PDB file of all heavy atoms in Angstrom:
ATOM      1  N   ASP A   1     -66.784  19.606  21.407  1.00  0.00           N
ATOM      2  CA  ASP A   1     -67.808  18.852  20.745  1.00  0.00           C
ATOM      3  C   ASP A   1     -67.068  17.459  20.332  1.00  0.00           C
ATOM      4  O   ASP A   1     -67.659  16.538  20.411  1.00  0.00           O
ATOM      5  CB  ASP A   1     -68.226  19.458  19.514  1.00  0.00           C
ATOM      6  CG  ASP A   1     -69.287  20.617  19.735  1.00  0.00           C
ATOM      7  OD1 ASP A   1     -69.833  20.608  20.888  1.00  0.00           O
ATOM      8  OD2 ASP A   1     -69.446  21.468  18.931  1.00  0.00           O
ATOM      9  N   GLU A   2     -65.883  17.444  20.004  1.00  0.00           N
ATOM     10  CA  GLU A   2     -65.093  16.369  19.578  1.00  0.00           C
ATOM     11  C   GLU A   2     -64.897  15.441  20.804  1.00  0.00           C
ATOM     12  O   GLU A   2     -65.100  14.254  20.737  1.00  0.00           O
ATOM     13  CB  GLU A   2     -63.695  16.761  18.957  1.00  0.00           C
ATOM     14  CG  GLU A   2     -63.805  17.348  17.616  1.00  0.00           C
ATOM     15  CD  GLU A   2     -62.510  17.932  17.124  1.00  0.00           C
ATOM     16  OE1 GLU A   2     -61.729  18.536  17.888  1.00  0.00           O
ATOM     17  OE2 GLU A   2     -62.265  17.928  15.933  1.00  0.00           O
ATOM     18  N   LEU A   3     -64.566  16.094  21.896  1.00  0.00           N
ATOM     19  CA  LEU A   3     -64.343  15.171  23.151  1.00  0.00           C
ATOM     20  C   LEU A   3     -65.678  14.611  23.513  1.00  0.00           C
ATOM     21  O   LEU A   3     -65.765  13.440  23.937  1.00  0.00           O
ATOM     22  CB  LEU A   3     -63.985  16.109  24.243  1.00  0.00           C
ATOM     23  CG  LEU A   3     -62.443  16.643  24.187  1.00  0.00           C
ATOM     24  CD1 LEU A   3     -62.181  17.451  25.412  1.00  0.00           C
ATOM     25  CD2 LEU A   3     -61.510  15.374  24.220  1.00  0.00           C
ATOM     26  N   ARG A   4     -66.849  15.371  23.425  1.00  0.00           N
ATOM     27  CA  ARG A   4     -68.103  14.672  23.691  1.00  0.00           C
ATOM     28  C   ARG A   4     -68.528  13.513  22.806  1.00  0.00           C
ATOM     29  O   ARG A   4     -68.948  12.524  23.326  1.00  0.00           O
ATOM     30  CB  ARG A   4     -69.277  15.804  23.663  1.00  0.00           C
ATOM     31  CG  ARG A   4     -69.304  16.685  24.861  1.00  0.00           C
ATOM     32  CD  ARG A   4     -70.558  17.406  24.850  1.00  0.00           C
ATOM     33  NE  ARG A   4     -70.444  18.491  23.980  1.00  0.00           N
ATOM     34  CZ  ARG A   4     -69.959  19.819  24.284  1.00  0.00           C
ATOM     35  NH1 ARG A   4     -69.563  19.969  25.536  1.00  0.00           N
ATOM     36  NH2 ARG A   4     -69.903  20.719  23.352  1.00  0.00           N
ATOM     37  N   GLU A   5     -68.047  13.642  21.550  1.00  0.00           N
ATOM     38  CA  GLU A   5     -68.380  12.643  20.573  1.00  0.00           C
ATOM     39  C   GLU A   5     -67.498  11.377  20.932  1.00  0.00           C
ATOM     40  O   GLU A   5     -67.989  10.208  20.855  1.00  0.00           O
ATOM     41  CB  GLU A   5     -68.009  13.109  19.188  1.00  0.00           C
ATOM     42  CG  GLU A   5     -68.284  12.065  18.030  1.00  0.00           C
ATOM     43  CD  GLU A   5     -67.938  12.384  16.711  1.00  0.00           C
ATOM     44  OE1 GLU A   5     -67.468  13.746  16.535  1.00  0.00           O
ATOM     45  OE2 GLU A   5     -68.053  11.688  15.823  1.00  0.00           O
ATOM     46  N   TRP A   6     -66.269  11.617  21.191  1.00  0.00           N
ATOM     47  CA  TRP A   6     -65.328  10.485  21.464  1.00  0.00           C
ATOM     48  C   TRP A   6     -65.752   9.792  22.763  1.00  0.00           C
ATOM     49  O   TRP A   6     -65.662   8.544  22.887  1.00  0.00           O
ATOM     50  CB  TRP A   6     -63.889  11.100  21.490  1.00  0.00           C
ATOM     51  CG  TRP A   6     -63.481  11.552  20.372  1.00  0.00           C
ATOM     52  CD1 TRP A   6     -63.858  11.442  19.103  1.00  0.00           C
ATOM     53  CD2 TRP A   6     -62.276  12.338  20.085  1.00  0.00           C
ATOM     54  NE1 TRP A   6     -63.204  12.040  18.160  1.00  0.00           N
ATOM     55  CE2 TRP A   6     -62.223  12.692  18.814  1.00  0.00           C
ATOM     56  CE3 TRP A   6     -61.351  13.073  21.073  1.00  0.00           C
ATOM     57  CZ2 TRP A   6     -61.128  13.518  18.287  1.00  0.00           C
ATOM     58  CZ3 TRP A   6     -60.363  13.770  20.567  1.00  0.00           C
ATOM     59  CH2 TRP A   6     -60.209  14.025  19.124  1.00  0.00           C
ATOM     60  N   SER A   7     -66.134  10.615  23.834  1.00  0.00           N
ATOM     61  CA  SER A   7     -66.512  10.148  25.017  1.00  0.00           C
ATOM     62  C   SER A   7     -67.830   9.071  24.870  1.00  0.00           C
ATOM     63  O   SER A   7     -67.957   8.178  25.559  1.00  0.00           O
ATOM     64  CB  SER A   7     -66.948  11.191  26.030  1.00  0.00           C
ATOM     65  OG  SER A   7     -65.789  11.932  26.327  1.00  0.00           O
ATOM     66  N   ARG A   8     -68.648   9.501  23.975  1.00  0.00           N
ATOM     67  CA  ARG A   8     -69.855   8.632  23.594  1.00  0.00           C
ATOM     68  C   ARG A   8     -69.490   7.455  22.790  1.00  0.00           C
ATOM     69  O   ARG A   8     -69.998   6.345  23.058  1.00  0.00           O
ATOM     70  CB  ARG A   8     -70.913   9.528  22.883  1.00  0.00           C
ATOM     71  CG  ARG A   8     -72.268   8.928  22.624  1.00  0.00           C
ATOM     72  CD  ARG A   8     -73.244   9.747  21.980  1.00  0.00           C
ATOM     73  NE  ARG A   8     -72.834  10.261  20.651  1.00  0.00           N
ATOM     74  CZ  ARG A   8     -72.305  11.445  20.307  1.00  0.00           C
ATOM     75  NH1 ARG A   8     -72.180  12.306  21.301  1.00  0.00           N
ATOM     76  NH2 ARG A   8     -71.930  11.747  19.124  1.00  0.00           N
ATOM     77  N   LYS A   9     -68.749   7.629  21.851  1.00  0.00           N
ATOM     78  CA  LYS A   9     -68.303   6.487  20.860  1.00  0.00           C
ATOM     79  C   LYS A   9     -67.319   5.623  21.442  1.00  0.00           C
ATOM     80  O   LYS A   9     -67.252   4.412  21.065  1.00  0.00           O
ATOM     81  CB  LYS A   9     -67.933   7.178  19.516  1.00  0.00           C
ATOM     82  CG  LYS A   9     -69.046   7.837  18.763  1.00  0.00           C
ATOM     83  CD  LYS A   9     -68.506   8.472  17.456  1.00  0.00           C
ATOM     84  CE  LYS A   9     -67.970   7.410  16.452  1.00  0.00           C
ATOM     85  NZ  LYS A   9     -67.523   8.055  15.223  1.00  0.00           N
ATOM     86  N   PHE A  10     -66.387   6.055  22.107  1.00  0.00           N
ATOM     87  CA  PHE A  10     -65.168   5.315  22.653  1.00  0.00           C
ATOM     88  C   PHE A  10     -65.058   5.306  24.130  1.00  0.00           C
ATOM     89  O   PHE A  10     -63.945   5.724  24.618  1.00  0.00           O
ATOM     90  CB  PHE A  10     -63.998   5.756  21.958  1.00  0.00           C
ATOM     91  CG  PHE A  10     -64.009   6.062  20.410  1.00  0.00           C
ATOM     92  CD1 PHE A  10     -64.055   7.275  20.018  1.00  0.00           C
ATOM     93  CD2 PHE A  10     -64.166   4.830  19.657  1.00  0.00           C
ATOM     94  CE1 PHE A  10     -64.111   7.547  18.535  1.00  0.00           C
ATOM     95  CE2 PHE A  10     -64.295   5.112  18.223  1.00  0.00           C
ATOM     96  CZ  PHE A  10     -64.262   6.447  17.658  1.00  0.00           C
ATOM     97  N   PRO A  11     -66.084   4.955  24.961  1.00  0.00           N
ATOM     98  CA  PRO A  11     -65.968   5.082  26.384  1.00  0.00           C
ATOM     99  C   PRO A  11     -64.997   4.294  27.095  1.00  0.00           C
ATOM    100  O   PRO A  11     -64.551   4.491  28.194  1.00  0.00           O
ATOM    101  CB  PRO A  11     -67.398   4.764  26.874  1.00  0.00           C
ATOM    102  CG  PRO A  11     -67.831   3.873  25.751  1.00  0.00           C
ATOM    103  CD  PRO A  11     -67.371   4.401  24.610  1.00  0.00           C
ATOM    104  N   SER A  12     -64.652   3.036  26.442  1.00  0.00           N
ATOM    105  CA  SER A  12     -63.657   2.158  27.138  1.00  0.00           C
ATOM    106  C   SER A  12     -62.328   2.172  26.418  1.00  0.00           C
ATOM    107  O   SER A  12     -61.590   1.176  26.551  1.00  0.00           O
ATOM    108  CB  SER A  12     -64.254   0.810  27.294  1.00  0.00           C
ATOM    109  OG  SER A  12     -64.604   0.263  25.991  1.00  0.00           O
ATOM    110  N   TYR A  13     -62.072   3.129  25.560  1.00  0.00           N
ATOM    111  CA  TYR A  13     -60.724   3.111  24.700  1.00  0.00           C
ATOM    112  C   TYR A  13     -59.572   3.598  25.499  1.00  0.00           C
ATOM    113  O   TYR A  13     -59.814   4.303  26.529  1.00  0.00           O
ATOM    114  CB  TYR A  13     -61.004   3.809  23.415  1.00  0.00           C
ATOM    115  CG  TYR A  13     -61.680   3.011  22.344  1.00  0.00           C
ATOM    116  CD1 TYR A  13     -62.818   2.275  22.609  1.00  0.00           C
ATOM    117  CD2 TYR A  13     -61.267   3.085  21.090  1.00  0.00           C
ATOM    118  CE1 TYR A  13     -63.419   1.542  21.628  1.00  0.00           C
ATOM    119  CE2 TYR A  13     -61.887   2.306  20.112  1.00  0.00           C
ATOM    120  CZ  TYR A  13     -62.943   1.625  20.383  1.00  0.00           C
ATOM    121  OH  TYR A  13     -63.586   0.844  19.364  1.00  0.00           O
ATOM    122  N   SER A  14     -58.488   3.324  25.071  1.00  0.00           N
ATOM    123  CA  SER A  14     -57.212   3.904  25.663  1.00  0.00           C
ATOM    124  C   SER A  14     -57.188   5.397  25.123  1.00  0.00           C
ATOM    125  O   SER A  14     -57.939   5.820  24.297  1.00  0.00           O
ATOM    126  CB  SER A  14     -55.942   3.050  25.213  1.00  0.00           C
ATOM    127  OG  SER A  14     -56.131   1.746  25.728  1.00  0.00           O
ATOM    128  N   ILE A  15     -56.257   6.005  25.801  1.00  0.00           N
ATOM    129  CA  ILE A  15     -56.077   7.503  25.471  1.00  0.00           C
ATOM    130  C   ILE A  15     -54.711   7.871  24.991  1.00  0.00           C
ATOM    131  O   ILE A  15     -53.690   7.459  25.713  1.00  0.00           O
ATOM    132  CB  ILE A  15     -56.444   8.363  26.714  1.00  0.00           C
ATOM    133  CG1 ILE A  15     -57.903   8.132  27.055  1.00  0.00           C
ATOM    134  CG2 ILE A  15     -56.050   9.895  26.328  1.00  0.00           C
ATOM    135  CD1 ILE A  15     -58.316   8.794  28.376  1.00  0.00           C
ATOM    136  N   GLY A  16     -54.560   8.434  23.889  1.00  0.00           N
ATOM    137  CA  GLY A  16     -53.345   8.760  23.265  1.00  0.00           C
ATOM    138  C   GLY A  16     -53.054  10.327  23.320  1.00  0.00           C
ATOM    139  O   GLY A  16     -54.034  11.000  23.479  1.00  0.00           O
ATOM    140  N   ILE A  17     -51.887  10.719  23.104  1.00  0.00           N
ATOM    141  CA  ILE A  17     -51.494  12.131  23.104  1.00  0.00           C
ATOM    142  C   ILE A  17     -50.621  12.404  21.972  1.00  0.00           C
ATOM    143  O   ILE A  17     -49.561  11.887  21.763  1.00  0.00           O
ATOM    144  CB  ILE A  17     -50.730  12.620  24.436  1.00  0.00           C
ATOM    145  CG1 ILE A  17     -51.672  12.449  25.618  1.00  0.00           C
ATOM    146  CG2 ILE A  17     -50.305  14.060  24.306  1.00  0.00           C
ATOM    147  CD1 ILE A  17     -51.038  12.912  26.913  1.00  0.00           C
ATOM    148  N   PRO A  18     -51.143  13.097  20.946  1.00  0.00           N
ATOM    149  CA  PRO A  18     -50.226  13.416  19.712  1.00  0.00           C
ATOM    150  C   PRO A  18     -49.101  14.382  20.208  1.00  0.00           C
ATOM    151  O   PRO A  18     -49.323  15.267  20.990  1.00  0.00           O
ATOM    152  CB  PRO A  18     -51.279  14.068  18.751  1.00  0.00           C
ATOM    153  CG  PRO A  18     -52.529  13.620  19.206  1.00  0.00           C
ATOM    154  CD  PRO A  18     -52.536  13.497  20.754  1.00  0.00           C
ATOM    155  N   ALA A  19     -47.913  14.169  19.626  1.00  0.00           N
ATOM    156  CA  ALA A  19     -46.799  15.055  19.962  1.00  0.00           C
ATOM    157  C   ALA A  19     -47.110  16.449  19.529  1.00  0.00           C
ATOM    158  O   ALA A  19     -47.614  16.711  18.429  1.00  0.00           O
ATOM    159  CB  ALA A  19     -45.572  14.538  19.116  1.00  0.00           C
ATOM    160  N   ALA A  20     -46.866  17.459  20.300  1.00  0.00           N
ATOM    161  CA  ALA A  20     -47.194  18.802  19.906  1.00  0.00           C
ATOM    162  C   ALA A  20     -46.381  19.835  20.663  1.00  0.00           C
ATOM    163  O   ALA A  20     -46.848  20.496  21.710  1.00  0.00           O
ATOM    164  CB  ALA A  20     -48.724  19.030  20.259  1.00  0.00           C
ATOM    165  N   SER A  21     -45.080  20.007  20.218  1.00  0.00           N
ATOM    166  CA  SER A  21     -44.180  20.935  21.012  1.00  0.00           C
ATOM    167  C   SER A  21     -44.741  22.354  20.843  1.00  0.00           C
ATOM    168  O   SER A  21     -44.523  23.159  21.635  1.00  0.00           O
ATOM    169  CB  SER A  21     -42.855  20.808  20.317  1.00  0.00           C
ATOM    170  OG  SER A  21     -42.739  21.177  18.993  1.00  0.00           O
ATOM    171  N   GLU A  22     -45.443  22.566  19.685  1.00  0.00           N
ATOM    172  CA  GLU A  22     -46.047  23.893  19.420  1.00  0.00           C
ATOM    173  C   GLU A  22     -47.068  24.127  20.401  1.00  0.00           C
ATOM    174  O   GLU A  22     -47.504  25.396  20.565  1.00  0.00           O
ATOM    175  CB  GLU A  22     -46.460  23.932  18.038  1.00  0.00           C
ATOM    176  CG  GLU A  22     -45.434  23.990  17.068  1.00  0.00           C
ATOM    177  CD  GLU A  22     -45.925  23.946  15.615  1.00  0.00           C
ATOM    178  OE1 GLU A  22     -46.793  24.807  15.230  1.00  0.00           O
ATOM    179  OE2 GLU A  22     -45.491  23.223  14.749  1.00  0.00           O
ATOM    180  N   LEU A  23     -47.654  23.235  21.026  1.00  0.00           N
ATOM    181  CA  LEU A  23     -48.749  23.368  22.150  1.00  0.00           C
ATOM    182  C   LEU A  23     -48.086  23.437  23.468  1.00  0.00           C
ATOM    183  O   LEU A  23     -48.822  23.680  24.532  1.00  0.00           O
ATOM    184  CB  LEU A  23     -49.760  22.303  22.011  1.00  0.00           C
ATOM    185  CG  LEU A  23     -50.614  22.176  20.671  1.00  0.00           C
ATOM    186  CD1 LEU A  23     -51.716  21.121  20.873  1.00  0.00           C
ATOM    187  CD2 LEU A  23     -51.237  23.614  20.486  1.00  0.00           C
ATOM    188  N   GLY A  24     -46.845  23.195  23.614  1.00  0.00           N
ATOM    189  CA  GLY A  24     -46.073  23.314  24.819  1.00  0.00           C
ATOM    190  C   GLY A  24     -45.574  22.058  25.711  1.00  0.00           C
ATOM    191  O   GLY A  24     -45.287  22.132  26.803  1.00  0.00           O
ATOM    192  N   PHE A  25     -45.361  20.975  24.884  1.00  0.00           N
ATOM    193  CA  PHE A  25     -44.808  19.752  25.507  1.00  0.00           C
ATOM    194  C   PHE A  25     -44.137  18.931  24.523  1.00  0.00           C
ATOM    195  O   PHE A  25     -44.456  18.891  23.208  1.00  0.00           O
ATOM    196  CB  PHE A  25     -45.928  18.914  26.218  1.00  0.00           C
ATOM    197  CG  PHE A  25     -46.841  18.266  25.362  1.00  0.00           C
ATOM    198  CD1 PHE A  25     -46.531  16.878  25.014  1.00  0.00           C
ATOM    199  CD2 PHE A  25     -47.978  18.800  24.840  1.00  0.00           C
ATOM    200  CE1 PHE A  25     -47.453  16.225  24.170  1.00  0.00           C
ATOM    201  CE2 PHE A  25     -48.757  18.226  23.950  1.00  0.00           C
ATOM    202  CZ  PHE A  25     -48.475  16.783  23.598  1.00  0.00           C
ATOM    203  N   VAL A  26     -43.279  18.019  25.030  1.00  0.00           N
ATOM    204  CA  VAL A  26     -42.479  17.140  24.176  1.00  0.00           C
ATOM    205  C   VAL A  26     -42.358  15.843  25.038  1.00  0.00           C
ATOM    206  O   VAL A  26     -42.294  15.821  26.226  1.00  0.00           O
ATOM    207  CB  VAL A  26     -41.020  17.653  23.894  1.00  0.00           C
ATOM    208  CG1 VAL A  26     -40.169  16.622  23.200  1.00  0.00           C
ATOM    209  CG2 VAL A  26     -40.998  18.931  23.043  1.00  0.00           C
ATOM    210  N   GLY A  27     -42.422  14.709  24.256  1.00  0.00           N
ATOM    211  CA  GLY A  27     -42.380  13.437  24.933  1.00  0.00           C
ATOM    212  C   GLY A  27     -40.964  12.850  24.614  1.00  0.00           C
ATOM    213  O   GLY A  27     -40.545  12.756  23.372  1.00  0.00           O
ATOM    214  N   LEU A  28     -40.183  12.365  25.629  1.00  0.00           N
ATOM    215  CA  LEU A  28     -38.836  11.812  25.377  1.00  0.00           C
ATOM    216  C   LEU A  28     -39.100  10.292  25.697  1.00  0.00           C
ATOM    217  O   LEU A  28     -39.208   9.871  26.834  1.00  0.00           O
ATOM    218  CB  LEU A  28     -37.891  12.371  26.399  1.00  0.00           C
ATOM    219  CG  LEU A  28     -37.603  13.860  26.195  1.00  0.00           C
ATOM    220  CD1 LEU A  28     -36.568  14.444  27.130  1.00  0.00           C
ATOM    221  CD2 LEU A  28     -37.364  14.353  24.843  1.00  0.00           C
ATOM    222  N   ASP A  29     -39.049   9.522  24.639  1.00  0.00           N
ATOM    223  CA  ASP A  29     -39.287   8.032  24.751  1.00  0.00           C
ATOM    224  C   ASP A  29     -37.973   7.189  24.845  1.00  0.00           C
ATOM    225  O   ASP A  29     -37.375   7.237  23.787  1.00  0.00           O
ATOM    226  CB  ASP A  29     -40.174   7.614  23.683  1.00  0.00           C
ATOM    227  CG  ASP A  29     -40.831   6.253  23.765  1.00  0.00           C
ATOM    228  OD1 ASP A  29     -40.975   5.786  25.014  1.00  0.00           O
ATOM    229  OD2 ASP A  29     -41.325   5.678  22.787  1.00  0.00           O
ATOM    230  N   CYS A  30     -37.724   6.577  25.882  1.00  0.00           N
ATOM    231  CA  CYS A  30     -36.438   5.853  26.033  1.00  0.00           C
ATOM    232  C   CYS A  30     -36.761   4.344  26.056  1.00  0.00           C
ATOM    233  O   CYS A  30     -37.393   3.845  26.903  1.00  0.00           O
ATOM    234  CB  CYS A  30     -35.808   6.282  27.388  1.00  0.00           C
ATOM    235  SG  CYS A  30     -34.258   5.340  27.632  1.00  0.00           S
ATOM    236  N   ASP A  31     -36.490   3.736  24.909  1.00  0.00           N
ATOM    237  CA  ASP A  31     -36.628   2.292  24.798  1.00  0.00           C
ATOM    238  C   ASP A  31     -35.373   1.428  25.092  1.00  0.00           C
ATOM    239  O   ASP A  31     -35.194   0.330  24.474  1.00  0.00           O
ATOM    240  CB  ASP A  31     -37.096   1.906  23.346  1.00  0.00           C
ATOM    241  CG  ASP A  31     -38.595   2.375  23.256  1.00  0.00           C
ATOM    242  OD1 ASP A  31     -39.286   2.642  24.204  1.00  0.00           O
ATOM    243  OD2 ASP A  31     -39.007   2.332  22.152  1.00  0.00           O
ATOM    244  N   VAL A  32     -34.564   1.888  25.873  1.00  0.00           N
ATOM    245  CA  VAL A  32     -33.320   1.124  26.391  1.00  0.00           C
ATOM    246  C   VAL A  32     -33.821  -0.084  27.202  1.00  0.00           C
ATOM    247  O   VAL A  32     -34.525   0.098  28.217  1.00  0.00           O
ATOM    248  CB  VAL A  32     -32.390   2.078  27.266  1.00  0.00           C
ATOM    249  CG1 VAL A  32     -31.230   1.137  27.816  1.00  0.00           C
ATOM    250  CG2 VAL A  32     -31.855   3.114  26.345  1.00  0.00           C
ATOM    251  N   LEU A  33     -33.389  -1.135  26.768  1.00  0.00           N
ATOM    252  CA  LEU A  33     -33.796  -2.491  27.501  1.00  0.00           C
ATOM    253  C   LEU A  33     -33.000  -2.942  28.700  1.00  0.00           C
ATOM    254  O   LEU A  33     -33.417  -3.719  29.417  1.00  0.00           O
ATOM    255  CB  LEU A  33     -33.865  -3.592  26.441  1.00  0.00           C
ATOM    256  CG  LEU A  33     -35.068  -3.415  25.326  1.00  0.00           C
ATOM    257  CD1 LEU A  33     -34.861  -4.505  24.332  1.00  0.00           C
ATOM    258  CD2 LEU A  33     -36.325  -3.502  26.015  1.00  0.00           C
ATOM    259  N   ASP A  34     -31.818  -2.394  28.794  1.00  0.00           N
ATOM    260  CA  ASP A  34     -30.923  -2.725  29.927  1.00  0.00           C
ATOM    261  C   ASP A  34     -31.509  -1.883  31.163  1.00  0.00           C
ATOM    262  O   ASP A  34     -31.574  -0.678  31.074  1.00  0.00           O
ATOM    263  CB  ASP A  34     -29.519  -2.516  29.621  1.00  0.00           C
ATOM    264  CG  ASP A  34     -28.570  -2.934  30.847  1.00  0.00           C
ATOM    265  OD1 ASP A  34     -28.454  -1.998  31.787  1.00  0.00           O
ATOM    266  OD2 ASP A  34     -28.157  -4.029  30.825  1.00  0.00           O
ATOM    267  N   VAL A  35     -31.829  -2.581  32.205  1.00  0.00           N
ATOM    268  CA  VAL A  35     -32.470  -1.967  33.335  1.00  0.00           C
ATOM    269  C   VAL A  35     -31.589  -0.759  33.933  1.00  0.00           C
ATOM    270  O   VAL A  35     -31.984   0.246  34.121  1.00  0.00           O
ATOM    271  CB  VAL A  35     -32.847  -2.966  34.473  1.00  0.00           C
ATOM    272  CG1 VAL A  35     -33.259  -2.242  35.734  1.00  0.00           C
ATOM    273  CG2 VAL A  35     -33.809  -4.029  34.003  1.00  0.00           C
ATOM    274  N   GLU A  36     -30.335  -1.144  34.199  1.00  0.00           N
ATOM    275  CA  GLU A  36     -29.419  -0.113  34.745  1.00  0.00           C
ATOM    276  C   GLU A  36     -29.247   0.985  33.768  1.00  0.00           C
ATOM    277  O   GLU A  36     -29.194   2.208  34.175  1.00  0.00           O
ATOM    278  CB  GLU A  36     -28.208  -0.832  35.249  1.00  0.00           C
ATOM    279  CG  GLU A  36     -27.156   0.020  36.187  1.00  0.00           C
ATOM    280  CD  GLU A  36     -27.914   0.482  37.390  1.00  0.00           C
ATOM    281  OE1 GLU A  36     -28.657  -0.380  37.935  1.00  0.00           O
ATOM    282  OE2 GLU A  36     -27.688   1.567  37.914  1.00  0.00           O
ATOM    283  N   GLN A  37     -28.921   0.683  32.564  1.00  0.00           N
ATOM    284  CA  GLN A  37     -28.729   1.753  31.603  1.00  0.00           C
ATOM    285  C   GLN A  37     -30.044   2.668  31.407  1.00  0.00           C
ATOM    286  O   GLN A  37     -29.897   3.880  31.344  1.00  0.00           O
ATOM    287  CB  GLN A  37     -28.400   1.204  30.226  1.00  0.00           C
ATOM    288  CG  GLN A  37     -27.024   0.556  30.150  1.00  0.00           C
ATOM    289  CD  GLN A  37     -26.725  -0.193  28.763  1.00  0.00           C
ATOM    290  OE1 GLN A  37     -27.618  -0.206  27.992  1.00  0.00           O
ATOM    291  NE2 GLN A  37     -25.451  -0.760  28.759  1.00  0.00           N
ATOM    292  N   SER A  38     -31.138   2.007  31.416  1.00  0.00           N
ATOM    293  CA  SER A  38     -32.326   2.883  31.355  1.00  0.00           C
ATOM    294  C   SER A  38     -32.543   3.816  32.589  1.00  0.00           C
ATOM    295  O   SER A  38     -32.834   4.983  32.391  1.00  0.00           O
ATOM    296  CB  SER A  38     -33.572   1.885  31.264  1.00  0.00           C
ATOM    297  OG  SER A  38     -34.733   2.580  31.279  1.00  0.00           O
ATOM    298  N   ARG A  39     -32.212   3.187  33.733  1.00  0.00           N
ATOM    299  CA  ARG A  39     -32.197   4.060  34.887  1.00  0.00           C
ATOM    300  C   ARG A  39     -31.285   5.291  34.913  1.00  0.00           C
ATOM    301  O   ARG A  39     -31.553   6.401  35.294  1.00  0.00           O
ATOM    302  CB  ARG A  39     -31.923   3.219  36.143  1.00  0.00           C
ATOM    303  CG  ARG A  39     -32.029   3.844  37.492  1.00  0.00           C
ATOM    304  CD  ARG A  39     -31.809   3.039  38.652  1.00  0.00           C
ATOM    305  NE  ARG A  39     -32.803   1.920  38.842  1.00  0.00           N
ATOM    306  CZ  ARG A  39     -32.477   0.643  38.565  1.00  0.00           C
ATOM    307  NH1 ARG A  39     -31.187   0.228  38.268  1.00  0.00           N
ATOM    308  NH2 ARG A  39     -33.376  -0.262  38.759  1.00  0.00           N
ATOM    309  N   GLU A  40     -30.063   4.979  34.446  1.00  0.00           N
ATOM    310  CA  GLU A  40     -29.056   5.966  34.330  1.00  0.00           C
ATOM    311  C   GLU A  40     -29.416   6.999  33.278  1.00  0.00           C
ATOM    312  O   GLU A  40     -29.129   8.281  33.450  1.00  0.00           O
ATOM    313  CB  GLU A  40     -27.734   5.468  33.962  1.00  0.00           C
ATOM    314  CG  GLU A  40     -27.126   4.502  35.066  1.00  0.00           C
ATOM    315  CD  GLU A  40     -26.865   5.415  36.401  1.00  0.00           C
ATOM    316  OE1 GLU A  40     -26.410   6.469  36.246  1.00  0.00           O
ATOM    317  OE2 GLU A  40     -27.189   4.865  37.358  1.00  0.00           O
ATOM    318  N   CYS A  41     -30.073   6.615  32.235  1.00  0.00           N
ATOM    319  CA  CYS A  41     -30.653   7.595  31.207  1.00  0.00           C
ATOM    320  C   CYS A  41     -31.603   8.575  31.858  1.00  0.00           C
ATOM    321  O   CYS A  41     -31.535   9.759  31.510  1.00  0.00           O
ATOM    322  CB  CYS A  41     -31.187   6.956  29.961  1.00  0.00           C
ATOM    323  SG  CYS A  41     -29.991   6.077  28.901  1.00  0.00           S
TER     324      CYS A  41
END
């Protein structure tokens, strides 16, 4: 029901994902600005 409501109210919005390790996933966000260092990470 929530998804249907959002699809109707926000059809052209971006999509976010709340962090939820308890649901089975983790996001590792690397903001290293040096290209080579970022690649090595």
